[in-house]
Structure formats: structure tokens, C-alpha cells
Amino acid sequence: MKKRVGRAKAAGAVAILLGSVLPAAAQPAPKPAAAPVPLGALAPANLAKPRPKPAFDITGTWLHGGGANNGFRFSPPAGFKLTPESQVQYDAAQAAAKQGKVYRDDIGQCWPAGLPVIMTRVWAIAMVQRPTAIYMISGFMNSVRIIYLDGRPHTDPDVVIPSFNGESIGRWEGDSLVVDTTGFVNDHHWIDNGIPVTDALHIVERMKLIDNGANLQIETTASDPKSWVGEWSWTKRWRRVDDTDITEASCLPDLNEHMLSTKGNANVR
């Protein structure tokens, strides 16, 4: 028994000695520390993290107000310039309008409106603010938009899942919430009649409450180098509607058959 113990000690001493003289490449590499698992926006541990107090709470139901200098369209500015690919579609839309037709009315065919158009549809939007995210549910097709406030970065463009409302990341700056949105789909998505947006669309919004919280103002700047040149900007306002709730809503093509824009001979595709 003593011989076995002695041999074990001797073997251990040899191993230690060899380990001290082996080159670094021969040493077993230490295991990298496991990356922390990102927390979901509604994870209790994420909600409980200390954060600066937000400038405002947007929770409520909001409706695009309309009125002077507050149209629902995100039309291009005077003197705008489109890319050649986008110009072809814009010209086709203009030609269709002269014939009393519509051009590729995807919304009428139940495709999502997508950002920024979803924000100014004639249906109200319910907004629920939590410390880590703002959840927006539109009365139009119950379209969902999420603005993350928990400090996460944008998802890597190589792995992001494109969507019609994109991936919105918000940060507080003074009395405003600045929202940066990317990660859009590359088809069936329009910013105005005949002007498509692509997966290169980048939208920055500056949101703030005005009129003692009765109205919401959003300054929107959008760029899409695959569709137009430069940046386009708009400022629009929403009013709080406390007597309104969002209910379940679905877009069903067969229910839209009475609309001119959905009929085959009125919709230029």
C-alpha cells in the first residue's frame, strides 16, 4: 500500500514538472466564460434593474389627429429624387392614377401597412409603456410594434428577422424619446403611393408629449438609399383618446371585395 502511494506521489511530481516546462501551446486552453443569456423585455430581472426615470409615460390610446400640416401621408418633399428602380414604380403609379386606378394596393390586399404608414392609419393605437419596452397595438389589423428601452443594441443585420415595422430601439434624450428603427422587409412595403421602401430603410423618430400630455408629437426622419436620395422628414401629431379601446381586427380579402382598390380591373399590379 505504501508503495502505491509513493508511486502516485512520484507520478504527480513528474506531471507537475512536465507541466512547468511544456510550451504554452501544449497546455490545455481554459474554457471561455459562457456569455450571459439576454433577458426578455418582460423578464422580472430585467424589469427590476435600476434605470433613470423616463421623461414621460406614453401609456394610453392615441389617434392621429389630422388637421392643418398634419396629413396622414408620408409624401416625399418637393424636388425629391428617386433611384432608377423606384422611379419606374412611381411613374407606373402616376399613370394608373390618371386612369382612375390604384397601383399595387398591397394594404387593400391585406398586406401589413408597415412603418411609418401604420402610425397614421385612421385607427387608434394602444400604447403600453414598461421600463424595458413600449408595446403598440394598432386597431388596423392589430399590427404590433415594440420599442425596446432596456439598452439592447440592434440585432446583427445578418441574423435579424425582417419585419414590416422593423426593430425599434429607444433611448431617452431630455424630454424626448429617440427611436432608431431598422430591419425591414424588402417587398410589399410602401412609404407613399408608388414609392417602395426596402431593407435599407432607416427611420429615426423623436417623440415627445405636448399640450400637458394631451397630444403626442413625433418628428420622423427616413432614409432608404435603395429607393430615394437623401433624408425625408415629417412632423405629425396624435391626440389622446381616453374613450376608445382597441379590439380584435382582421383583414380578410373576401370582405374587401366591395372596395374599388381591391378589384382586379382597378388594381394595377
C-alpha atoms as a PDB file:
ATOM      1  CA  MET A   1       0.000   0.000   0.000  1.00  0.00           C
ATOM      2  CA  LYS A   2       2.807   2.366   0.838  1.00  0.00           C
ATOM      3  CA  LYS A   3       4.490   1.588  -2.495  1.00  0.00           C
ATOM      4  CA  ARG A   4       1.308   2.520  -4.396  1.00  0.00           C
ATOM      5  CA  VAL A   5       1.020   5.827  -2.567  1.00  0.00           C
ATOM      6  CA  GLY A   6       4.670   6.535  -3.195  1.00  0.00           C
ATOM      7  CA  ARG A   7       4.240   5.816  -6.897  1.00  0.00           C
ATOM      8  CA  ALA A   8       1.200   8.112  -7.062  1.00  0.00           C
ATOM      9  CA  LYS A   9       3.139  10.937  -5.440  1.00  0.00           C
ATOM     10  CA  ALA A  10       6.019  10.381  -7.814  1.00  0.00           C
ATOM     11  CA  ALA A  11       3.711  10.411 -10.849  1.00  0.00           C
ATOM     12  CA  GLY A  12       2.117  13.624  -9.642  1.00  0.00           C
ATOM     13  CA  ALA A  13       5.501  15.248  -9.191  1.00  0.00           C
ATOM     14  CA  VAL A  14       6.510  14.265 -12.727  1.00  0.00           C
ATOM     15  CA  ALA A  15       3.249  15.681 -14.125  1.00  0.00           C
ATOM     16  CA  ILE A  16       3.794  18.981 -12.300  1.00  0.00           C
ATOM     17  CA  LEU A  17       7.374  19.108 -13.516  1.00  0.00           C
ATOM     18  CA  LEU A  18       6.383  18.373 -17.123  1.00  0.00           C
ATOM     19  CA  GLY A  19       3.609  20.951 -16.930  1.00  0.00           C
ATOM     20  CA  SER A  20       6.065  23.585 -15.844  1.00  0.00           C
ATOM     21  CA  VAL A  21       8.301  23.026 -18.851  1.00  0.00           C
ATOM     22  CA  LEU A  22       5.734  22.320 -21.608  1.00  0.00           C
ATOM     23  CA  PRO A  23       5.269  25.161 -24.086  1.00  0.00           C
ATOM     24  CA  ALA A  24       2.107  27.233 -23.780  1.00  0.00           C
ATOM     25  CA  ALA A  25       0.648  25.657 -26.943  1.00  0.00           C
ATOM     26  CA  ALA A  26       0.709  22.247 -25.248  1.00  0.00           C
ATOM     27  CA  GLN A  27      -1.214  23.480 -22.200  1.00  0.00           C
ATOM     28  CA  PRO A  28      -4.969  22.801 -22.198  1.00  0.00           C
ATOM     29  CA  ALA A  29      -6.800  26.014 -23.196  1.00  0.00           C
ATOM     30  CA  PRO A  30      -9.049  27.443 -20.491  1.00  0.00           C
ATOM     31  CA  LYS A  31     -12.733  27.246 -21.273  1.00  0.00           C
ATOM     32  CA  PRO A  32     -14.197  30.623 -22.235  1.00  0.00           C
ATOM     33  CA  ALA A  33     -16.745  32.019 -19.843  1.00  0.00           C
ATOM     34  CA  ALA A  34     -20.292  31.463 -21.041  1.00  0.00           C
ATOM     35  CA  ALA A  35     -21.913  34.627 -22.383  1.00  0.00           C
ATOM     36  CA  PRO A  36     -24.825  35.837 -20.272  1.00  0.00           C
ATOM     37  CA  VAL A  37     -28.201  34.948 -21.718  1.00  0.00           C
ATOM     38  CA  PRO A  38     -30.024  38.119 -22.841  1.00  0.00           C
ATOM     39  CA  LEU A  39     -33.158  38.796 -20.849  1.00  0.00           C
ATOM     40  CA  GLY A  40     -36.519  39.342 -22.491  1.00  0.00           C
ATOM     41  CA  ALA A  41     -38.135  42.748 -22.105  1.00  0.00           C
ATOM     42  CA  LEU A  42     -40.717  41.381 -19.657  1.00  0.00           C
ATOM     43  CA  ALA A  43     -38.363  39.196 -17.632  1.00  0.00           C
ATOM     44  CA  PRO A  44     -38.760  40.165 -13.934  1.00  0.00           C
ATOM     45  CA  ALA A  45     -34.992  40.515 -13.537  1.00  0.00           C
ATOM     46  CA  ASN A  46     -34.883  42.922 -16.479  1.00  0.00           C
ATOM     47  CA  LEU A  47     -37.844  44.964 -15.252  1.00  0.00           C
ATOM     48  CA  ALA A  48     -36.240  45.204 -11.787  1.00  0.00           C
ATOM     49  CA  LYS A  49     -32.973  46.739 -12.996  1.00  0.00           C
ATOM     50  CA  PRO A  50     -32.451  50.321 -11.779  1.00  0.00           C
ATOM     51  CA  ARG A  51     -32.906  52.880 -14.564  1.00  0.00           C
ATOM     52  CA  PRO A  52     -33.195  56.670 -14.763  1.00  0.00           C
ATOM     53  CA  LYS A  53     -36.764  57.933 -14.610  1.00  0.00           C
ATOM     54  CA  PRO A  54     -38.221  58.326 -18.125  1.00  0.00           C
ATOM     55  CA  ALA A  55     -39.218  61.771 -19.359  1.00  0.00           C
ATOM     56  CA  PHE A  56     -42.841  60.672 -19.778  1.00  0.00           C
ATOM     57  CA  ASP A  57     -45.192  57.692 -19.792  1.00  0.00           C
ATOM     58  CA  ILE A  58     -46.864  57.248 -23.157  1.00  0.00           C
ATOM     59  CA  THR A  59     -49.355  54.659 -21.893  1.00  0.00           C
ATOM     60  CA  GLY A  60     -52.747  55.371 -23.389  1.00  0.00           C
ATOM     61  CA  THR A  61     -54.732  55.220 -26.615  1.00  0.00           C
ATOM     62  CA  TRP A  62     -53.709  57.613 -29.369  1.00  0.00           C
ATOM     63  CA  LEU A  63     -55.237  58.631 -32.699  1.00  0.00           C
ATOM     64  CA  HIS A  64     -53.531  60.539 -35.477  1.00  0.00           C
ATOM     65  CA  GLY A  65     -55.069  63.981 -35.208  1.00  0.00           C
ATOM     66  CA  GLY A  66     -55.231  65.153 -38.815  1.00  0.00           C
ATOM     67  CA  GLY A  67     -55.779  68.843 -39.464  1.00  0.00           C
ATOM     68  CA  ALA A  68     -53.527  71.545 -40.889  1.00  0.00           C
ATOM     69  CA  ASN A  69     -49.924  70.468 -41.570  1.00  0.00           C
ATOM     70  CA  ASN A  70     -50.737  67.044 -40.151  1.00  0.00           C
ATOM     71  CA  GLY A  71     -51.689  64.865 -43.098  1.00  0.00           C
ATOM     72  CA  PHE A  72     -51.715  61.109 -42.818  1.00  0.00           C
ATOM     73  CA  ARG A  73     -49.431  60.540 -45.806  1.00  0.00           C
ATOM     74  CA  PHE A  74     -45.640  60.320 -45.661  1.00  0.00           C
ATOM     75  CA  SER A  75     -45.256  62.012 -49.019  1.00  0.00           C
ATOM     76  CA  PRO A  76     -41.839  62.973 -50.401  1.00  0.00           C
ATOM     77  CA  PRO A  77     -40.595  66.570 -50.156  1.00  0.00           C
ATOM     78  CA  ALA A  78     -40.535  68.981 -53.073  1.00  0.00           C
ATOM     79  CA  GLY A  79     -37.771  68.258 -55.535  1.00  0.00           C
ATOM     80  CA  PHE A  80     -37.290  64.675 -54.339  1.00  0.00           C
ATOM     81  CA  LYS A  81     -35.132  62.283 -56.339  1.00  0.00           C
ATOM     82  CA  LEU A  82     -35.755  58.553 -56.602  1.00  0.00           C
ATOM     83  CA  THR A  83     -33.383  55.775 -57.597  1.00  0.00           C
ATOM     84  CA  PRO A  84     -33.952  54.423 -61.136  1.00  0.00           C
ATOM     85  CA  GLU A  85     -35.644  51.276 -59.785  1.00  0.00           C
ATOM     86  CA  SER A  86     -38.008  53.274 -57.599  1.00  0.00           C
ATOM     87  CA  GLN A  87     -38.701  55.822 -60.350  1.00  0.00           C
ATOM     88  CA  VAL A  88     -40.116  53.072 -62.573  1.00  0.00           C
ATOM     89  CA  GLN A  89     -42.685  52.181 -59.928  1.00  0.00           C
ATOM     90  CA  TYR A  90     -43.517  55.800 -59.172  1.00  0.00           C
ATOM     91  CA  ASP A  91     -44.157  56.530 -62.871  1.00  0.00           C
ATOM     92  CA  ALA A  92     -46.384  53.452 -63.110  1.00  0.00           C
ATOM     93  CA  ALA A  93     -48.389  54.649 -60.096  1.00  0.00           C
ATOM     94  CA  GLN A  94     -48.840  58.092 -61.631  1.00  0.00           C
ATOM     95  CA  ALA A  95     -50.047  56.536 -64.897  1.00  0.00           C
ATOM     96  CA  ALA A  96     -52.521  54.333 -63.021  1.00  0.00           C
ATOM     97  CA  ALA A  97     -53.885  57.339 -61.115  1.00  0.00           C
ATOM     98  CA  LYS A  98     -54.628  59.137 -64.405  1.00  0.00           C
ATOM     99  CA  GLN A  99     -56.763  56.136 -65.389  1.00  0.00           C
ATOM    100  CA  GLY A 100     -58.641  56.216 -62.103  1.00  0.00           C
ATOM    101  CA  LYS A 101     -56.873  53.110 -60.851  1.00  0.00           C
ATOM    102  CA  VAL A 102     -54.562  52.321 -57.947  1.00  0.00           C
ATOM    103  CA  TYR A 103     -51.092  50.872 -58.208  1.00  0.00           C
ATOM    104  CA  ARG A 104     -50.242  47.773 -56.185  1.00  0.00           C
ATOM    105  CA  ASP A 105     -52.674  48.378 -53.356  1.00  0.00           C
ATOM    106  CA  ASP A 106     -50.986  45.911 -51.006  1.00  0.00           C
ATOM    107  CA  ILE A 107     -52.818  47.226 -47.932  1.00  0.00           C
ATOM    108  CA  GLY A 108     -56.120  46.562 -49.707  1.00  0.00           C
ATOM    109  CA  GLN A 109     -54.876  43.017 -50.279  1.00  0.00           C
ATOM    110  CA  CYS A 110     -54.290  42.613 -46.528  1.00  0.00           C
ATOM    111  CA  TRP A 111     -50.532  43.099 -46.529  1.00  0.00           C
ATOM    112  CA  PRO A 112     -49.367  44.980 -43.386  1.00  0.00           C
ATOM    113  CA  ALA A 113     -49.091  48.742 -43.730  1.00  0.00           C
ATOM    114  CA  GLY A 114     -45.625  48.769 -42.157  1.00  0.00           C
ATOM    115  CA  LEU A 115     -43.741  51.613 -40.528  1.00  0.00           C
ATOM    116  CA  PRO A 116     -44.141  54.560 -40.829  1.00  0.00           C
ATOM    117  CA  VAL A 117     -47.560  54.293 -42.549  1.00  0.00           C
ATOM    118  CA  ILE A 118     -49.070  52.170 -39.753  1.00  0.00           C
ATOM    119  CA  MET A 119     -48.698  55.097 -37.358  1.00  0.00           C
ATOM    120  CA  THR A 120     -51.184  57.339 -39.225  1.00  0.00           C
ATOM    121  CA  ARG A 121     -53.935  54.961 -40.282  1.00  0.00           C
ATOM    122  CA  VAL A 122     -57.462  56.041 -39.319  1.00  0.00           C
ATOM    123  CA  TRP A 123     -57.495  53.506 -36.476  1.00  0.00           C
ATOM    124  CA  ALA A 124     -56.275  54.327 -32.978  1.00  0.00           C
ATOM    125  CA  ILE A 125     -53.139  52.808 -31.432  1.00  0.00           C
ATOM    126  CA  ALA A 126     -52.982  51.497 -27.868  1.00  0.00           C
ATOM    127  CA  MET A 127     -49.588  52.088 -26.274  1.00  0.00           C
ATOM    128  CA  VAL A 128     -48.404  50.412 -23.088  1.00  0.00           C
ATOM    129  CA  GLN A 129     -45.117  51.593 -21.576  1.00  0.00           C
ATOM    130  CA  ARG A 130     -42.994  49.435 -19.313  1.00  0.00           C
ATOM    131  CA  PRO A 131     -39.466  50.217 -18.057  1.00  0.00           C
ATOM    132  CA  THR A 132     -37.959  47.982 -20.732  1.00  0.00           C
ATOM    133  CA  ALA A 133     -40.258  48.438 -23.734  1.00  0.00           C
ATOM    134  CA  ILE A 134     -43.238  50.209 -25.244  1.00  0.00           C
ATOM    135  CA  TYR A 135     -45.846  47.963 -26.832  1.00  0.00           C
ATOM    136  CA  MET A 136     -48.036  49.463 -29.560  1.00  0.00           C
ATOM    137  CA  ILE A 137     -51.133  47.665 -30.877  1.00  0.00           C
ATOM    138  CA  SER A 138     -52.927  49.262 -33.792  1.00  0.00           C
ATOM    139  CA  GLY A 139     -56.647  48.991 -34.376  1.00  0.00           C
ATOM    140  CA  PHE A 140     -55.664  48.365 -38.008  1.00  0.00           C
ATOM    141  CA  MET A 141     -55.140  44.596 -38.350  1.00  0.00           C
ATOM    142  CA  ASN A 142     -53.886  44.573 -34.716  1.00  0.00           C
ATOM    143  CA  SER A 143     -50.427  45.367 -36.062  1.00  0.00           C
ATOM    144  CA  VAL A 144     -47.866  45.133 -33.240  1.00  0.00           C
ATOM    145  CA  ARG A 145     -44.867  47.391 -32.826  1.00  0.00           C
ATOM    146  CA  ILE A 146     -42.346  47.131 -29.973  1.00  0.00           C
ATOM    147  CA  ILE A 147     -39.851  49.814 -28.947  1.00  0.00           C
ATOM    148  CA  TYR A 148     -37.142  48.340 -26.706  1.00  0.00           C
ATOM    149  CA  LEU A 149     -35.891  50.581 -23.889  1.00  0.00           C
ATOM    150  CA  ASP A 150     -33.623  48.168 -21.995  1.00  0.00           C
ATOM    151  CA  GLY A 151     -30.348  49.225 -23.613  1.00  0.00           C
ATOM    152  CA  ARG A 152     -30.034  46.351 -26.062  1.00  0.00           C
ATOM    153  CA  PRO A 153     -28.308  47.050 -29.400  1.00  0.00           C
ATOM    154  CA  HIS A 154     -29.811  46.359 -32.793  1.00  0.00           C
ATOM    155  CA  THR A 155     -29.713  42.716 -33.810  1.00  0.00           C
ATOM    156  CA  ASP A 156     -26.858  41.875 -36.186  1.00  0.00           C
ATOM    157  CA  PRO A 157     -28.120  42.551 -39.747  1.00  0.00           C
ATOM    158  CA  ASP A 158     -27.008  39.055 -40.769  1.00  0.00           C
ATOM    159  CA  VAL A 159     -29.397  37.375 -38.317  1.00  0.00           C
ATOM    160  CA  VAL A 160     -32.197  39.895 -37.779  1.00  0.00           C
ATOM    161  CA  ILE A 161     -35.645  38.705 -38.850  1.00  0.00           C
ATOM    162  CA  PRO A 162     -37.008  41.390 -41.211  1.00  0.00           C
ATOM    163  CA  SER A 163     -40.471  42.727 -40.471  1.00  0.00           C
ATOM    164  CA  PHE A 164     -42.877  45.408 -41.672  1.00  0.00           C
ATOM    165  CA  ASN A 165     -42.481  47.510 -38.510  1.00  0.00           C
ATOM    166  CA  GLY A 166     -38.775  46.790 -38.113  1.00  0.00           C
ATOM    167  CA  GLU A 167     -36.731  46.560 -34.913  1.00  0.00           C
ATOM    168  CA  SER A 168     -37.082  49.732 -32.830  1.00  0.00           C
ATOM    169  CA  ILE A 169     -34.522  50.683 -30.168  1.00  0.00           C
ATOM    170  CA  GLY A 170     -35.321  53.705 -27.990  1.00  0.00           C
ATOM    171  CA  ARG A 171     -33.256  55.965 -25.759  1.00  0.00           C
ATOM    172  CA  TRP A 172     -34.182  58.986 -23.650  1.00  0.00           C
ATOM    173  CA  GLU A 173     -32.742  62.384 -24.511  1.00  0.00           C
ATOM    174  CA  GLY A 174     -34.008  65.197 -22.279  1.00  0.00           C
ATOM    175  CA  ASP A 175     -37.771  65.493 -22.705  1.00  0.00           C
ATOM    176  CA  SER A 176     -37.824  63.266 -25.808  1.00  0.00           C
ATOM    177  CA  LEU A 177     -37.696  59.591 -26.679  1.00  0.00           C
ATOM    178  CA  VAL A 178     -35.446  58.947 -29.687  1.00  0.00           C
ATOM    179  CA  VAL A 179     -36.319  55.755 -31.548  1.00  0.00           C
ATOM    180  CA  ASP A 180     -33.995  54.173 -34.122  1.00  0.00           C
ATOM    181  CA  THR A 181     -35.594  51.543 -36.374  1.00  0.00           C
ATOM    182  CA  THR A 182     -34.027  49.190 -38.927  1.00  0.00           C
ATOM    183  CA  GLY A 183     -34.557  45.584 -40.027  1.00  0.00           C
ATOM    184  CA  PHE A 184     -37.372  45.972 -42.567  1.00  0.00           C
ATOM    185  CA  VAL A 185     -38.769  43.599 -45.179  1.00  0.00           C
ATOM    186  CA  ASN A 186     -37.783  44.103 -48.801  1.00  0.00           C
ATOM    187  CA  ASP A 187     -41.136  43.760 -50.584  1.00  0.00           C
ATOM    188  CA  HIS A 188     -44.829  44.796 -50.378  1.00  0.00           C
ATOM    189  CA  HIS A 189     -43.848  47.796 -48.241  1.00  0.00           C
ATOM    190  CA  TRP A 190     -44.510  51.404 -49.296  1.00  0.00           C
ATOM    191  CA  ILE A 191     -43.915  54.855 -47.876  1.00  0.00           C
ATOM    192  CA  ASP A 192     -46.356  56.553 -50.267  1.00  0.00           C
ATOM    193  CA  ASN A 193     -48.241  55.777 -53.465  1.00  0.00           C
ATOM    194  CA  GLY A 194     -45.802  54.173 -55.883  1.00  0.00           C
ATOM    195  CA  ILE A 195     -42.735  54.752 -53.692  1.00  0.00           C
ATOM    196  CA  PRO A 196     -41.443  51.475 -52.238  1.00  0.00           C
ATOM    197  CA  VAL A 197     -39.205  51.046 -49.231  1.00  0.00           C
ATOM    198  CA  THR A 198     -36.584  48.321 -48.997  1.00  0.00           C
ATOM    199  CA  ASP A 199     -34.481  46.504 -46.429  1.00  0.00           C
ATOM    200  CA  ALA A 200     -32.209  49.581 -46.435  1.00  0.00           C
ATOM    201  CA  LEU A 201     -34.915  51.736 -44.810  1.00  0.00           C
ATOM    202  CA  HIS A 202     -33.711  53.552 -41.680  1.00  0.00           C
ATOM    203  CA  ILE A 203     -36.160  55.548 -39.566  1.00  0.00           C
ATOM    204  CA  VAL A 204     -35.368  57.824 -36.620  1.00  0.00           C
ATOM    205  CA  GLU A 205     -38.255  59.263 -34.587  1.00  0.00           C
ATOM    206  CA  ARG A 206     -38.152  61.903 -31.870  1.00  0.00           C
ATOM    207  CA  MET A 207     -41.239  61.526 -29.678  1.00  0.00           C
ATOM    208  CA  LYS A 208     -42.468  63.936 -27.034  1.00  0.00           C
ATOM    209  CA  LEU A 209     -45.681  64.772 -25.208  1.00  0.00           C
ATOM    210  CA  ILE A 210     -47.024  68.288 -25.743  1.00  0.00           C
ATOM    211  CA  ASP A 211     -50.020  70.327 -24.540  1.00  0.00           C
ATOM    212  CA  ASN A 212     -49.753  68.943 -20.996  1.00  0.00           C
ATOM    213  CA  GLY A 213     -49.805  65.381 -22.261  1.00  0.00           C
ATOM    214  CA  ALA A 214     -52.950  65.728 -24.374  1.00  0.00           C
ATOM    215  CA  ASN A 215     -51.042  65.329 -27.630  1.00  0.00           C
ATOM    216  CA  LEU A 216     -48.110  63.286 -28.876  1.00  0.00           C
ATOM    217  CA  GLN A 217     -45.699  64.787 -31.389  1.00  0.00           C
ATOM    218  CA  ILE A 218     -43.354  62.670 -33.493  1.00  0.00           C
ATOM    219  CA  GLU A 219     -40.633  64.069 -35.746  1.00  0.00           C
ATOM    220  CA  THR A 220     -39.782  61.339 -38.252  1.00  0.00           C
ATOM    221  CA  THR A 221     -36.723  61.177 -40.495  1.00  0.00           C
ATOM    222  CA  ALA A 222     -36.390  58.377 -43.026  1.00  0.00           C
ATOM    223  CA  SER A 223     -33.690  57.344 -45.475  1.00  0.00           C
ATOM    224  CA  ASP A 224     -33.591  54.482 -47.958  1.00  0.00           C
ATOM    225  CA  PRO A 225     -30.638  54.671 -50.382  1.00  0.00           C
ATOM    226  CA  LYS A 226     -32.134  51.844 -52.461  1.00  0.00           C
ATOM    227  CA  SER A 227     -35.295  53.873 -53.096  1.00  0.00           C
ATOM    228  CA  TRP A 228     -34.514  57.599 -52.850  1.00  0.00           C
ATOM    229  CA  VAL A 229     -31.724  60.094 -52.379  1.00  0.00           C
ATOM    230  CA  GLY A 230     -31.113  61.786 -49.027  1.00  0.00           C
ATOM    231  CA  GLU A 231     -33.374  62.034 -45.975  1.00  0.00           C
ATOM    232  CA  TRP A 232     -37.100  62.842 -45.845  1.00  0.00           C
ATOM    233  CA  SER A 233     -38.648  64.350 -42.716  1.00  0.00           C
ATOM    234  CA  TRP A 234     -42.155  64.914 -41.331  1.00  0.00           C
ATOM    235  CA  THR A 235     -43.650  66.153 -38.060  1.00  0.00           C
ATOM    236  CA  LYS A 236     -47.034  64.717 -37.078  1.00  0.00           C
ATOM    237  CA  ARG A 237     -49.303  64.830 -34.033  1.00  0.00           C
ATOM    238  CA  TRP A 238     -51.599  62.377 -32.282  1.00  0.00           C
ATOM    239  CA  ARG A 239     -54.327  63.137 -29.725  1.00  0.00           C
ATOM    240  CA  ARG A 240     -55.107  61.101 -26.650  1.00  0.00           C
ATOM    241  CA  VAL A 241     -58.497  59.341 -26.911  1.00  0.00           C
ATOM    242  CA  ASP A 242     -59.488  58.093 -23.478  1.00  0.00           C
ATOM    243  CA  ASP A 243     -62.915  56.868 -24.609  1.00  0.00           C
ATOM    244  CA  THR A 244     -61.508  54.336 -27.087  1.00  0.00           C
ATOM    245  CA  ASP A 245     -60.289  50.743 -26.793  1.00  0.00           C
ATOM    246  CA  ILE A 246     -58.535  48.521 -29.310  1.00  0.00           C
ATOM    247  CA  THR A 247     -60.488  45.408 -30.274  1.00  0.00           C
ATOM    248  CA  GLU A 248     -59.625  42.337 -32.300  1.00  0.00           C
ATOM    249  CA  ALA A 249     -59.387  43.164 -36.001  1.00  0.00           C
ATOM    250  CA  SER A 250     -58.516  41.028 -39.013  1.00  0.00           C
ATOM    251  CA  CYS A 251     -58.081  41.906 -42.664  1.00  0.00           C
ATOM    252  CA  LEU A 252     -59.958  39.363 -44.774  1.00  0.00           C
ATOM    253  CA  PRO A 253     -59.667  39.735 -48.566  1.00  0.00           C
ATOM    254  CA  ASP A 254     -63.192  38.454 -49.245  1.00  0.00           C
ATOM    255  CA  LEU A 255     -64.632  41.256 -47.098  1.00  0.00           C
ATOM    256  CA  ASN A 256     -62.734  43.838 -49.153  1.00  0.00           C
ATOM    257  CA  GLU A 257     -64.236  42.866 -52.500  1.00  0.00           C
ATOM    258  CA  HIS A 258     -66.601  45.851 -52.432  1.00  0.00           C
ATOM    259  CA  MET A 259     -63.617  48.226 -52.418  1.00  0.00           C
ATOM    260  CA  LEU A 260     -62.565  49.545 -55.817  1.00  0.00           C
ATOM    261  CA  SER A 261     -58.902  49.274 -54.942  1.00  0.00           C
ATOM    262  CA  THR A 262     -59.103  45.506 -54.440  1.00  0.00           C
ATOM    263  CA  LYS A 263     -60.926  44.627 -57.657  1.00  0.00           C
ATOM    264  CA  GLY A 264     -58.769  43.086 -60.355  1.00  0.00           C
ATOM    265  CA  ASN A 265     -59.581  45.683 -63.010  1.00  0.00           C
ATOM    266  CA  ALA A 266     -58.935  48.627 -60.669  1.00  0.00           C
ATOM    267  CA  ASN A 267     -55.700  47.480 -59.042  1.00  0.00           C
ATOM    268  CA  VAL A 268     -52.618  47.704 -61.260  1.00  0.00           C
ATOM    269  CA  ARG A 269     -50.078  45.127 -60.124  1.00  0.00           C
END
